[in-house]
Amino acid sequence: MLAGLALRMTGALPVSWAPITATAGAVLEAAAAALFATVMAKTLSRSTVRDRWDLYVVTALASFVAMGLAEPFLTYRSLTASADDTKIRFTADFMAPYRNL
């Protein structure tokens, strides 16, 4: 996760390889989210007591993984958009609903 965050920070650099390393960082973050969700799912499945909030935890994990899987695509698209109009349209169409997920 920390390596992913460090690589994602390179997206702000004004160099040609920034989108590639930032996207690689987003992929590492997605992998970390999937590993965390796997550990939590296994922990919940081995639990002998079922609580009402278990459904909330499962839903939150699903949202977390969905965000992690969408992040590499959104990072790459936002960093490689060429025109300002394209960036504005992309942000309006995808980023607000994504952040609400």
PDB file of N, CA and C in Angstrom:
ATOM      1  N   MET A   1       0.825  -1.179   0.000  1.00  0.00           N
ATOM      2  CA  MET A   1       0.000   0.000   0.000  1.00  0.00           C
ATOM      3  C   MET A   1       0.877   1.252   0.000  1.00  0.00           C
ATOM      4  N   LEU A   2       1.912   1.258   0.829  1.00  0.00           N
ATOM      5  CA  LEU A   2       2.791   2.430   0.881  1.00  0.00           C
ATOM      6  C   LEU A   2       3.548   2.626  -0.434  1.00  0.00           C
ATOM      7  N   ALA A   3       3.965   1.534  -1.038  1.00  0.00           N
ATOM      8  CA  ALA A   3       4.641   1.648  -2.338  1.00  0.00           C
ATOM      9  C   ALA A   3       3.673   2.195  -3.386  1.00  0.00           C
ATOM     10  N   GLY A   4       2.426   1.754  -3.328  1.00  0.00           N
ATOM     11  CA  GLY A   4       1.423   2.270  -4.248  1.00  0.00           C
ATOM     12  C   GLY A   4       1.190   3.753  -4.061  1.00  0.00           C
ATOM     13  N   LEU A   5       1.116   4.188  -2.811  1.00  0.00           N
ATOM     14  CA  LEU A   5       0.940   5.613  -2.536  1.00  0.00           C
ATOM     15  C   LEU A   5       2.139   6.420  -3.031  1.00  0.00           C
ATOM     16  N   ALA A   6       3.330   5.885  -2.819  1.00  0.00           N
ATOM     17  CA  ALA A   6       4.530   6.596  -3.276  1.00  0.00           C
ATOM     18  C   ALA A   6       4.546   6.720  -4.796  1.00  0.00           C
ATOM     19  N   LEU A   7       4.181   5.647  -5.478  1.00  0.00           N
ATOM     20  CA  LEU A   7       4.148   5.709  -6.942  1.00  0.00           C
ATOM     21  C   LEU A   7       3.041   6.637  -7.437  1.00  0.00           C
ATOM     22  N   ARG A   8       1.903   6.649  -6.743  1.00  0.00           N
ATOM     23  CA  ARG A   8       0.808   7.539  -7.149  1.00  0.00           C
ATOM     24  C   ARG A   8       1.208   9.002  -7.029  1.00  0.00           C
ATOM     25  N   MET A   9       2.084   9.313  -6.092  1.00  0.00           N
ATOM     26  CA  MET A   9       2.541  10.694  -5.922  1.00  0.00           C
ATOM     27  C   MET A   9       3.312  11.184  -7.146  1.00  0.00           C
ATOM     28  N   THR A  10       3.892  10.257  -7.908  1.00  0.00           N
ATOM     29  CA  THR A  10       4.649  10.662  -9.095  1.00  0.00           C
ATOM     30  C   THR A  10       3.737  11.210 -10.188  1.00  0.00           C
ATOM     31  N   GLY A  11       2.436  10.993 -10.075  1.00  0.00           N
ATOM     32  CA  GLY A  11       1.508  11.514 -11.067  1.00  0.00           C
ATOM     33  C   GLY A  11       1.491  13.027 -11.125  1.00  0.00           C
ATOM     34  N   ALA A  12       1.923  13.672 -10.078  1.00  0.00           N
ATOM     35  CA  ALA A  12       1.951  15.135 -10.044  1.00  0.00           C
ATOM     36  C   ALA A  12       3.218  15.708 -10.676  1.00  0.00           C
ATOM     37  N   LEU A  13       4.186  14.855 -10.964  1.00  0.00           N
ATOM     38  CA  LEU A  13       5.433  15.330 -11.554  1.00  0.00           C
ATOM     39  C   LEU A  13       5.246  15.648 -13.032  1.00  0.00           C
ATOM     40  N   PRO A  14       5.871  16.703 -13.507  1.00  0.00           N
ATOM     41  CA  PRO A  14       5.742  17.058 -14.924  1.00  0.00           C
ATOM     42  C   PRO A  14       6.738  16.306 -15.811  1.00  0.00           C
ATOM     43  N   VAL A  15       6.657  14.988 -15.798  1.00  0.00           N
ATOM     44  CA  VAL A  15       7.540  14.161 -16.622  1.00  0.00           C
ATOM     45  C   VAL A  15       6.679  13.208 -17.447  1.00  0.00           C
ATOM     46  N   SER A  16       7.249  12.686 -18.510  1.00  0.00           N
ATOM     47  CA  SER A  16       6.465  11.852 -19.427  1.00  0.00           C
ATOM     48  C   SER A  16       6.073  10.506 -18.825  1.00  0.00           C
ATOM     49  N   TRP A  17       6.856   9.968 -17.897  1.00  0.00           N
ATOM     50  CA  TRP A  17       6.562   8.657 -17.326  1.00  0.00           C
ATOM     51  C   TRP A  17       5.648   8.716 -16.109  1.00  0.00           C
ATOM     52  N   ALA A  18       5.196   9.888 -15.721  1.00  0.00           N
ATOM     53  CA  ALA A  18       4.348  10.027 -14.534  1.00  0.00           C
ATOM     54  C   ALA A  18       3.032   9.248 -14.625  1.00  0.00           C
ATOM     55  N   PRO A  19       2.315   9.275 -15.754  1.00  0.00           N
ATOM     56  CA  PRO A  19       1.064   8.506 -15.799  1.00  0.00           C
ATOM     57  C   PRO A  19       1.260   7.000 -15.625  1.00  0.00           C
ATOM     58  N   ILE A  20       2.351   6.484 -16.164  1.00  0.00           N
ATOM     59  CA  ILE A  20       2.603   5.038 -16.064  1.00  0.00           C
ATOM     60  C   ILE A  20       2.903   4.647 -14.623  1.00  0.00           C
ATOM     61  N   THR A  21       3.774   5.378 -13.946  1.00  0.00           N
ATOM     62  CA  THR A  21       4.103   5.025 -12.564  1.00  0.00           C
ATOM     63  C   THR A  21       2.923   5.283 -11.629  1.00  0.00           C
ATOM     64  N   ALA A  22       2.158   6.329 -11.883  1.00  0.00           N
ATOM     65  CA  ALA A  22       0.987   6.592 -11.043  1.00  0.00           C
ATOM     66  C   ALA A  22      -0.052   5.485 -11.219  1.00  0.00           C
ATOM     67  N   THR A  23      -0.213   5.001 -12.439  1.00  0.00           N
ATOM     68  CA  THR A  23      -1.151   3.902 -12.683  1.00  0.00           C
ATOM     69  C   THR A  23      -0.654   2.614 -12.039  1.00  0.00           C
ATOM     70  N   ALA A  24       0.647   2.375 -12.090  1.00  0.00           N
ATOM     71  CA  ALA A  24       1.213   1.205 -11.409  1.00  0.00           C
ATOM     72  C   ALA A  24       0.976   1.297  -9.902  1.00  0.00           C
ATOM     73  N   GLY A  25       1.098   2.488  -9.350  1.00  0.00           N
ATOM     74  CA  GLY A  25       0.797   2.681  -7.936  1.00  0.00           C
ATOM     75  C   GLY A  25      -0.659   2.405  -7.627  1.00  0.00           C
ATOM     76  N   ALA A  26      -1.547   2.815  -8.524  1.00  0.00           N
ATOM     77  CA  ALA A  26      -2.972   2.549  -8.331  1.00  0.00           C
ATOM     78  C   ALA A  26      -3.265   1.052  -8.377  1.00  0.00           C
ATOM     79  N   VAL A  27      -2.542   0.328  -9.232  1.00  0.00           N
ATOM     80  CA  VAL A  27      -2.704  -1.130  -9.289  1.00  0.00           C
ATOM     81  C   VAL A  27      -2.243  -1.766  -7.975  1.00  0.00           C
ATOM     82  N   LEU A  28      -1.134  -1.286  -7.426  1.00  0.00           N
ATOM     83  CA  LEU A  28      -0.667  -1.799  -6.134  1.00  0.00           C
ATOM     84  C   LEU A  28      -1.676  -1.493  -5.026  1.00  0.00           C
ATOM     85  N   GLU A  29      -2.282  -0.321  -5.065  1.00  0.00           N
ATOM     86  CA  GLU A  29      -3.313   0.013  -4.082  1.00  0.00           C
ATOM     87  C   GLU A  29      -4.528  -0.896  -4.233  1.00  0.00           C
ATOM     88  N   ALA A  30      -4.911  -1.204  -5.465  1.00  0.00           N
ATOM     89  CA  ALA A  30      -6.028  -2.115  -5.697  1.00  0.00           C
ATOM     90  C   ALA A  30      -5.719  -3.509  -5.150  1.00  0.00           C
ATOM     91  N   ALA A  31      -4.484  -3.950  -5.335  1.00  0.00           N
ATOM     92  CA  ALA A  31      -4.079  -5.253  -4.797  1.00  0.00           C
ATOM     93  C   ALA A  31      -4.129  -5.247  -3.276  1.00  0.00           C
ATOM     94  N   ALA A  32      -3.691  -4.154  -2.662  1.00  0.00           N
ATOM     95  CA  ALA A  32      -3.745  -4.054  -1.201  1.00  0.00           C
ATOM     96  C   ALA A  32      -5.193  -4.060  -0.711  1.00  0.00           C
ATOM     97  N   ALA A  33      -6.080  -3.388  -1.424  1.00  0.00           N
ATOM     98  CA  ALA A  33      -7.495  -3.386  -1.043  1.00  0.00           C
ATOM     99  C   ALA A  33      -8.084  -4.789  -1.158  1.00  0.00           C
ATOM    100  N   ALA A  34      -7.724  -5.505  -2.219  1.00  0.00           N
ATOM    101  CA  ALA A  34      -8.226  -6.868  -2.393  1.00  0.00           C
ATOM    102  C   ALA A  34      -7.695  -7.797  -1.304  1.00  0.00           C
ATOM    103  N   LEU A  35      -6.430  -7.644  -0.940  1.00  0.00           N
ATOM    104  CA  LEU A  35      -5.874  -8.465   0.143  1.00  0.00           C
ATOM    105  C   LEU A  35      -6.567  -8.169   1.472  1.00  0.00           C
ATOM    106  N   PHE A  36      -6.804  -6.896   1.753  1.00  0.00           N
ATOM    107  CA  PHE A  36      -7.492  -6.528   2.981  1.00  0.00           C
ATOM    108  C   PHE A  36      -8.904  -7.109   3.009  1.00  0.00           C
ATOM    109  N   ALA A  37      -9.614  -7.009   1.892  1.00  0.00           N
ATOM    110  CA  ALA A  37     -10.971  -7.539   1.824  1.00  0.00           C
ATOM    111  C   ALA A  37     -10.970  -9.060   1.987  1.00  0.00           C
ATOM    112  N   THR A  38      -9.964  -9.724   1.440  1.00  0.00           N
ATOM    113  CA  THR A  38      -9.859 -11.176   1.589  1.00  0.00           C
ATOM    114  C   THR A  38      -9.658 -11.569   3.053  1.00  0.00           C
ATOM    115  N   VAL A  39      -8.776 -10.869   3.733  1.00  0.00           N
ATOM    116  CA  VAL A  39      -8.532 -11.155   5.150  1.00  0.00           C
ATOM    117  C   VAL A  39      -9.804 -10.919   5.971  1.00  0.00           C
ATOM    118  N   MET A  40     -10.483  -9.806   5.704  1.00  0.00           N
ATOM    119  CA  MET A  40     -11.715  -9.510   6.444  1.00  0.00           C
ATOM    120  C   MET A  40     -12.804 -10.534   6.144  1.00  0.00           C
ATOM    121  N   ALA A  41     -12.935 -10.956   4.888  1.00  0.00           N
ATOM    122  CA  ALA A  41     -13.951 -11.945   4.525  1.00  0.00           C
ATOM    123  C   ALA A  41     -13.676 -13.285   5.194  1.00  0.00           C
ATOM    124  N   LYS A  42     -12.401 -13.683   5.219  1.00  0.00           N
ATOM    125  CA  LYS A  42     -12.064 -14.945   5.892  1.00  0.00           C
ATOM    126  C   LYS A  42     -12.318 -14.855   7.400  1.00  0.00           C
ATOM    127  N   THR A  43     -12.028 -13.700   7.969  1.00  0.00           N
ATOM    128  CA  THR A  43     -12.280 -13.510   9.399  1.00  0.00           C
ATOM    129  C   THR A  43     -13.780 -13.603   9.691  1.00  0.00           C
ATOM    130  N   LEU A  44     -14.581 -12.940   8.867  1.00  0.00           N
ATOM    131  CA  LEU A  44     -16.034 -12.995   9.069  1.00  0.00           C
ATOM    132  C   LEU A  44     -16.589 -14.395   8.831  1.00  0.00           C
ATOM    133  N   SER A  45     -16.043 -15.115   7.863  1.00  0.00           N
ATOM    134  CA  SER A  45     -16.563 -16.449   7.581  1.00  0.00           C
ATOM    135  C   SER A  45     -16.240 -17.444   8.689  1.00  0.00           C
ATOM    136  N   ARG A  46     -15.154 -17.227   9.394  1.00  0.00           N
ATOM    137  CA  ARG A  46     -14.783 -18.138  10.492  1.00  0.00           C
ATOM    138  C   ARG A  46     -15.440 -17.774  11.821  1.00  0.00           C
ATOM    139  N   SER A  47     -16.087 -16.639  11.845  1.00  0.00           N
ATOM    140  CA  SER A  47     -16.752 -16.210  13.070  1.00  0.00           C
ATOM    141  C   SER A  47     -17.982 -17.078  13.320  1.00  0.00           C
ATOM    142  N   THR A  48     -18.180 -17.443  14.554  1.00  0.00           N
ATOM    143  CA  THR A  48     -19.335 -18.269  14.904  1.00  0.00           C
ATOM    144  C   THR A  48     -20.552 -17.425  15.288  1.00  0.00           C
ATOM    145  N   VAL A  49     -20.333 -16.169  15.555  1.00  0.00           N
ATOM    146  CA  VAL A  49     -21.424 -15.279  15.943  1.00  0.00           C
ATOM    147  C   VAL A  49     -21.739 -14.351  14.769  1.00  0.00           C
ATOM    148  N   ARG A  50     -22.997 -14.263  14.418  1.00  0.00           N
ATOM    149  CA  ARG A  50     -23.435 -13.361  13.356  1.00  0.00           C
ATOM    150  C   ARG A  50     -24.144 -12.171  13.986  1.00  0.00           C
ATOM    151  N   ASP A  51     -23.673 -10.995  13.629  1.00  0.00           N
ATOM    152  CA  ASP A  51     -24.279  -9.762  14.118  1.00  0.00           C
ATOM    153  C   ASP A  51     -24.988  -9.060  12.976  1.00  0.00           C
ATOM    154  N   ARG A  52     -25.839  -8.105  13.336  1.00  0.00           N
ATOM    155  CA  ARG A  52     -26.563  -7.355  12.312  1.00  0.00           C
ATOM    156  C   ARG A  52     -25.630  -6.490  11.478  1.00  0.00           C
ATOM    157  N   TRP A  53     -24.522  -6.074  12.050  1.00  0.00           N
ATOM    158  CA  TRP A  53     -23.623  -5.182  11.328  1.00  0.00           C
ATOM    159  C   TRP A  53     -22.701  -5.924  10.363  1.00  0.00           C
ATOM    160  N   ASP A  54     -22.748  -7.245  10.332  1.00  0.00           N
ATOM    161  CA  ASP A  54     -21.927  -8.001   9.383  1.00  0.00           C
ATOM    162  C   ASP A  54     -22.243  -7.617   7.939  1.00  0.00           C
ATOM    163  N   LEU A  55     -23.513  -7.389   7.642  1.00  0.00           N
ATOM    164  CA  LEU A  55     -23.896  -6.982   6.286  1.00  0.00           C
ATOM    165  C   LEU A  55     -23.299  -5.617   5.944  1.00  0.00           C
ATOM    166  N   TYR A  56     -23.248  -4.736   6.920  1.00  0.00           N
ATOM    167  CA  TYR A  56     -22.624  -3.430   6.700  1.00  0.00           C
ATOM    168  C   TYR A  56     -21.138  -3.600   6.367  1.00  0.00           C
ATOM    169  N   VAL A  57     -20.462  -4.462   7.085  1.00  0.00           N
ATOM    170  CA  VAL A  57     -19.031  -4.689   6.845  1.00  0.00           C
ATOM    171  C   VAL A  57     -18.812  -5.272   5.452  1.00  0.00           C
ATOM    172  N   VAL A  58     -19.630  -6.224   5.057  1.00  0.00           N
ATOM    173  CA  VAL A  58     -19.496  -6.836   3.735  1.00  0.00           C
ATOM    174  C   VAL A  58     -19.759  -5.801   2.639  1.00  0.00           C
ATOM    175  N   THR A  59     -20.777  -4.964   2.832  1.00  0.00           N
ATOM    176  CA  THR A  59     -21.073  -3.917   1.852  1.00  0.00           C
ATOM    177  C   THR A  59     -19.934  -2.914   1.759  1.00  0.00           C
ATOM    178  N   ALA A  60     -19.382  -2.524   2.898  1.00  0.00           N
ATOM    179  CA  ALA A  60     -18.255  -1.590   2.902  1.00  0.00           C
ATOM    180  C   ALA A  60     -17.037  -2.203   2.210  1.00  0.00           C
ATOM    181  N   LEU A  61     -16.782  -3.474   2.436  1.00  0.00           N
ATOM    182  CA  LEU A  61     -15.663  -4.145   1.769  1.00  0.00           C
ATOM    183  C   LEU A  61     -15.874  -4.197   0.257  1.00  0.00           C
ATOM    184  N   ALA A  62     -17.104  -4.464  -0.170  1.00  0.00           N
ATOM    185  CA  ALA A  62     -17.396  -4.498  -1.602  1.00  0.00           C
ATOM    186  C   ALA A  62     -17.171  -3.118  -2.234  1.00  0.00           C
ATOM    187  N   SER A  63     -17.589  -2.059  -1.553  1.00  0.00           N
ATOM    188  CA  SER A  63     -17.368  -0.697  -2.063  1.00  0.00           C
ATOM    189  C   SER A  63     -15.880  -0.381  -2.112  1.00  0.00           C
ATOM    190  N   PHE A  64     -15.161  -0.797  -1.085  1.00  0.00           N
ATOM    191  CA  PHE A  64     -13.721  -0.561  -1.022  1.00  0.00           C
ATOM    192  C   PHE A  64     -13.000  -1.242  -2.178  1.00  0.00           C
ATOM    193  N   VAL A  65     -13.364  -2.478  -2.464  1.00  0.00           N
ATOM    194  CA  VAL A  65     -12.740  -3.217  -3.565  1.00  0.00           C
ATOM    195  C   VAL A  65     -13.143  -2.612  -4.907  1.00  0.00           C
ATOM    196  N   ALA A  66     -14.410  -2.217  -5.058  1.00  0.00           N
ATOM    197  CA  ALA A  66     -14.856  -1.594  -6.306  1.00  0.00           C
ATOM    198  C   ALA A  66     -14.089  -0.300  -6.574  1.00  0.00           C
ATOM    199  N   MET A  67     -13.874   0.485  -5.545  1.00  0.00           N
ATOM    200  CA  MET A  67     -13.095   1.717  -5.703  1.00  0.00           C
ATOM    201  C   MET A  67     -11.653   1.397  -6.071  1.00  0.00           C
ATOM    202  N   GLY A  68     -11.101   0.384  -5.426  1.00  0.00           N
ATOM    203  CA  GLY A  68      -9.728  -0.002  -5.734  1.00  0.00           C
ATOM    204  C   GLY A  68      -9.558  -0.488  -7.160  1.00  0.00           C
ATOM    205  N   LEU A  69     -10.543  -1.211  -7.669  1.00  0.00           N
ATOM    206  CA  LEU A  69     -10.455  -1.709  -9.042  1.00  0.00           C
ATOM    207  C   LEU A  69     -10.661  -0.599 -10.061  1.00  0.00           C
ATOM    208  N   ALA A  70     -11.453   0.404  -9.723  1.00  0.00           N
ATOM    209  CA  ALA A  70     -11.693   1.517 -10.649  1.00  0.00           C
ATOM    210  C   ALA A  70     -10.542   2.519 -10.658  1.00  0.00           C
ATOM    211  N   GLU A  71      -9.787   2.554  -9.586  1.00  0.00           N
ATOM    212  CA  GLU A  71      -8.744   3.574  -9.428  1.00  0.00           C
ATOM    213  C   GLU A  71      -7.672   3.564 -10.518  1.00  0.00           C
ATOM    214  N   PRO A  72      -7.125   2.417 -10.938  1.00  0.00           N
ATOM    215  CA  PRO A  72      -6.113   2.468 -12.000  1.00  0.00           C
ATOM    216  C   PRO A  72      -6.649   3.069 -13.303  1.00  0.00           C
ATOM    217  N   PHE A  73      -7.841   2.682 -13.695  1.00  0.00           N
ATOM    218  CA  PHE A  73      -8.443   3.227 -14.912  1.00  0.00           C
ATOM    219  C   PHE A  73      -8.650   4.733 -14.786  1.00  0.00           C
ATOM    220  N   LEU A  74      -9.216   5.164 -13.679  1.00  0.00           N
ATOM    221  CA  LEU A  74      -9.496   6.588 -13.504  1.00  0.00           C
ATOM    222  C   LEU A  74      -8.211   7.407 -13.391  1.00  0.00           C
ATOM    223  N   THR A  75      -7.214   6.865 -12.742  1.00  0.00           N
ATOM    224  CA  THR A  75      -5.935   7.564 -12.631  1.00  0.00           C
ATOM    225  C   THR A  75      -5.308   7.761 -14.001  1.00  0.00           C
ATOM    226  N   TYR A  76      -5.249   6.686 -14.774  1.00  0.00           N
ATOM    227  CA  TYR A  76      -4.639   6.782 -16.101  1.00  0.00           C
ATOM    228  C   TYR A  76      -5.407   7.742 -16.996  1.00  0.00           C
ATOM    229  N   ARG A  77      -6.721   7.630 -17.006  1.00  0.00           N
ATOM    230  CA  ARG A  77      -7.531   8.506 -17.863  1.00  0.00           C
ATOM    231  C   ARG A  77      -7.401   9.967 -17.470  1.00  0.00           C
ATOM    232  N   SER A  78      -7.349  10.244 -16.172  1.00  0.00           N
ATOM    233  CA  SER A  78      -7.263  11.643 -15.747  1.00  0.00           C
ATOM    234  C   SER A  78      -5.879  12.232 -16.022  1.00  0.00           C
ATOM    235  N   LEU A  79      -4.844  11.408 -15.971  1.00  0.00           N
ATOM    236  CA  LEU A  79      -3.495  11.926 -16.206  1.00  0.00           C
ATOM    237  C   LEU A  79      -3.126  12.013 -17.679  1.00  0.00           C
ATOM    238  N   THR A  80      -3.818  11.274 -18.533  1.00  0.00           N
ATOM    239  CA  THR A  80      -3.462  11.288 -19.948  1.00  0.00           C
ATOM    240  C   THR A  80      -4.435  12.088 -20.808  1.00  0.00           C
ATOM    241  N   ALA A  81      -5.432  12.695 -20.217  1.00  0.00           N
ATOM    242  CA  ALA A  81      -6.353  13.531 -21.001  1.00  0.00           C
ATOM    243  C   ALA A  81      -5.565  14.704 -21.574  1.00  0.00           C
ATOM    244  N   SER A  82      -5.755  14.952 -22.861  1.00  0.00           N
ATOM    245  CA  SER A  82      -4.906  15.940 -23.530  1.00  0.00           C
ATOM    246  C   SER A  82      -5.451  17.362 -23.446  1.00  0.00           C
ATOM    247  N   ALA A  83      -6.711  17.537 -23.631  1.00  0.00           N
ATOM    248  CA  ALA A  83      -7.276  18.889 -23.661  1.00  0.00           C
ATOM    249  C   ALA A  83      -7.995  19.201 -22.349  1.00  0.00           C
ATOM    250  N   ASP A  84      -8.071  20.480 -22.042  1.00  0.00           N
ATOM    251  CA  ASP A  84      -8.759  20.882 -20.812  1.00  0.00           C
ATOM    252  C   ASP A  84     -10.226  20.496 -20.840  1.00  0.00           C
ATOM    253  N   ASP A  85     -10.866  20.598 -22.002  1.00  0.00           N
ATOM    254  CA  ASP A  85     -12.272  20.213 -22.112  1.00  0.00           C
ATOM    255  C   ASP A  85     -12.465  18.734 -21.797  1.00  0.00           C
ATOM    256  N   THR A  86     -11.532  17.915 -22.242  1.00  0.00           N
ATOM    257  CA  THR A  86     -11.598  16.480 -21.973  1.00  0.00           C
ATOM    258  C   THR A  86     -11.456  16.210 -20.484  1.00  0.00           C
ATOM    259  N   LYS A  87     -10.536  16.899 -19.832  1.00  0.00           N
ATOM    260  CA  LYS A  87     -10.346  16.714 -18.387  1.00  0.00           C
ATOM    261  C   LYS A  87     -11.579  17.145 -17.608  1.00  0.00           C
ATOM    262  N   ILE A  88     -12.165  18.253 -18.003  1.00  0.00           N
ATOM    263  CA  ILE A  88     -13.361  18.738 -17.312  1.00  0.00           C
ATOM    264  C   ILE A  88     -14.512  17.758 -17.505  1.00  0.00           C
ATOM    265  N   ARG A  89     -14.695  17.289 -18.716  1.00  0.00           N
ATOM    266  CA  ARG A  89     -15.776  16.329 -18.994  1.00  0.00           C
ATOM    267  C   ARG A  89     -15.554  15.026 -18.238  1.00  0.00           C
ATOM    268  N   PHE A  90     -14.325  14.532 -18.226  1.00  0.00           N
ATOM    269  CA  PHE A  90     -14.018  13.296 -17.505  1.00  0.00           C
ATOM    270  C   PHE A  90     -14.280  13.457 -16.019  1.00  0.00           C
ATOM    271  N   THR A  91     -13.851  14.564 -15.447  1.00  0.00           N
ATOM    272  CA  THR A  91     -14.072  14.820 -14.022  1.00  0.00           C
ATOM    273  C   THR A  91     -15.556  14.908 -13.709  1.00  0.00           C
ATOM    274  N   ALA A  92     -16.312  15.583 -14.544  1.00  0.00           N
ATOM    275  CA  ALA A  92     -17.749  15.725 -14.316  1.00  0.00           C
ATOM    276  C   ALA A  92     -18.476  14.387 -14.441  1.00  0.00           C
ATOM    277  N   ASP A  93     -18.050  13.552 -15.386  1.00  0.00           N
ATOM    278  CA  ASP A  93     -18.754  12.295 -15.633  1.00  0.00           C
ATOM    279  C   ASP A  93     -18.395  11.190 -14.649  1.00  0.00           C
ATOM    280  N   PHE A  94     -17.133  11.079 -14.287  1.00  0.00           N
ATOM    281  CA  PHE A  94     -16.693   9.919 -13.527  1.00  0.00           C
ATOM    282  C   PHE A  94     -16.272  10.194 -12.088  1.00  0.00           C
ATOM    283  N   MET A  95     -15.598  11.287 -11.833  1.00  0.00           N
ATOM    284  CA  MET A  95     -14.980  11.470 -10.526  1.00  0.00           C
ATOM    285  C   MET A  95     -15.986  11.688  -9.397  1.00  0.00           C
ATOM    286  N   ALA A  96     -17.025  12.463  -9.626  1.00  0.00           N
ATOM    287  CA  ALA A  96     -17.986  12.719  -8.549  1.00  0.00           C
ATOM    288  C   ALA A  96     -18.731  11.433  -8.144  1.00  0.00           C
ATOM    289  N   PRO A  97     -19.293  10.665  -9.087  1.00  0.00           N
ATOM    290  CA  PRO A  97     -19.930   9.412  -8.669  1.00  0.00           C
ATOM    291  C   PRO A  97     -18.944   8.424  -8.063  1.00  0.00           C
ATOM    292  N   TYR A  98     -17.719   8.416  -8.575  1.00  0.00           N
ATOM    293  CA  TYR A  98     -16.702   7.516  -8.028  1.00  0.00           C
ATOM    294  C   TYR A  98     -16.389   7.857  -6.580  1.00  0.00           C
ATOM    295  N   ARG A  99     -16.246   9.133  -6.280  1.00  0.00           N
ATOM    296  CA  ARG A  99     -15.935   9.532  -4.912  1.00  0.00           C
ATOM    297  C   ARG A  99     -17.103   9.260  -3.970  1.00  0.00           C
ATOM    298  N   ASN A 100     -18.323   9.237  -4.485  1.00  0.00           N
ATOM    299  CA  ASN A 100     -19.482   8.931  -3.660  1.00  0.00           C
ATOM    300  C   ASN A 100     -19.640   7.432  -3.405  1.00  0.00           C
ATOM    301  N   LEU A 101     -18.934   6.615  -4.169  1.00  0.00           N
ATOM    302  CA  LEU A 101     -19.005   5.178  -3.973  1.00  0.00           C
ATOM    303  C   LEU A 101     -18.352   4.844  -2.663  1.00  0.00           C
TER     304      LEU A 101
END
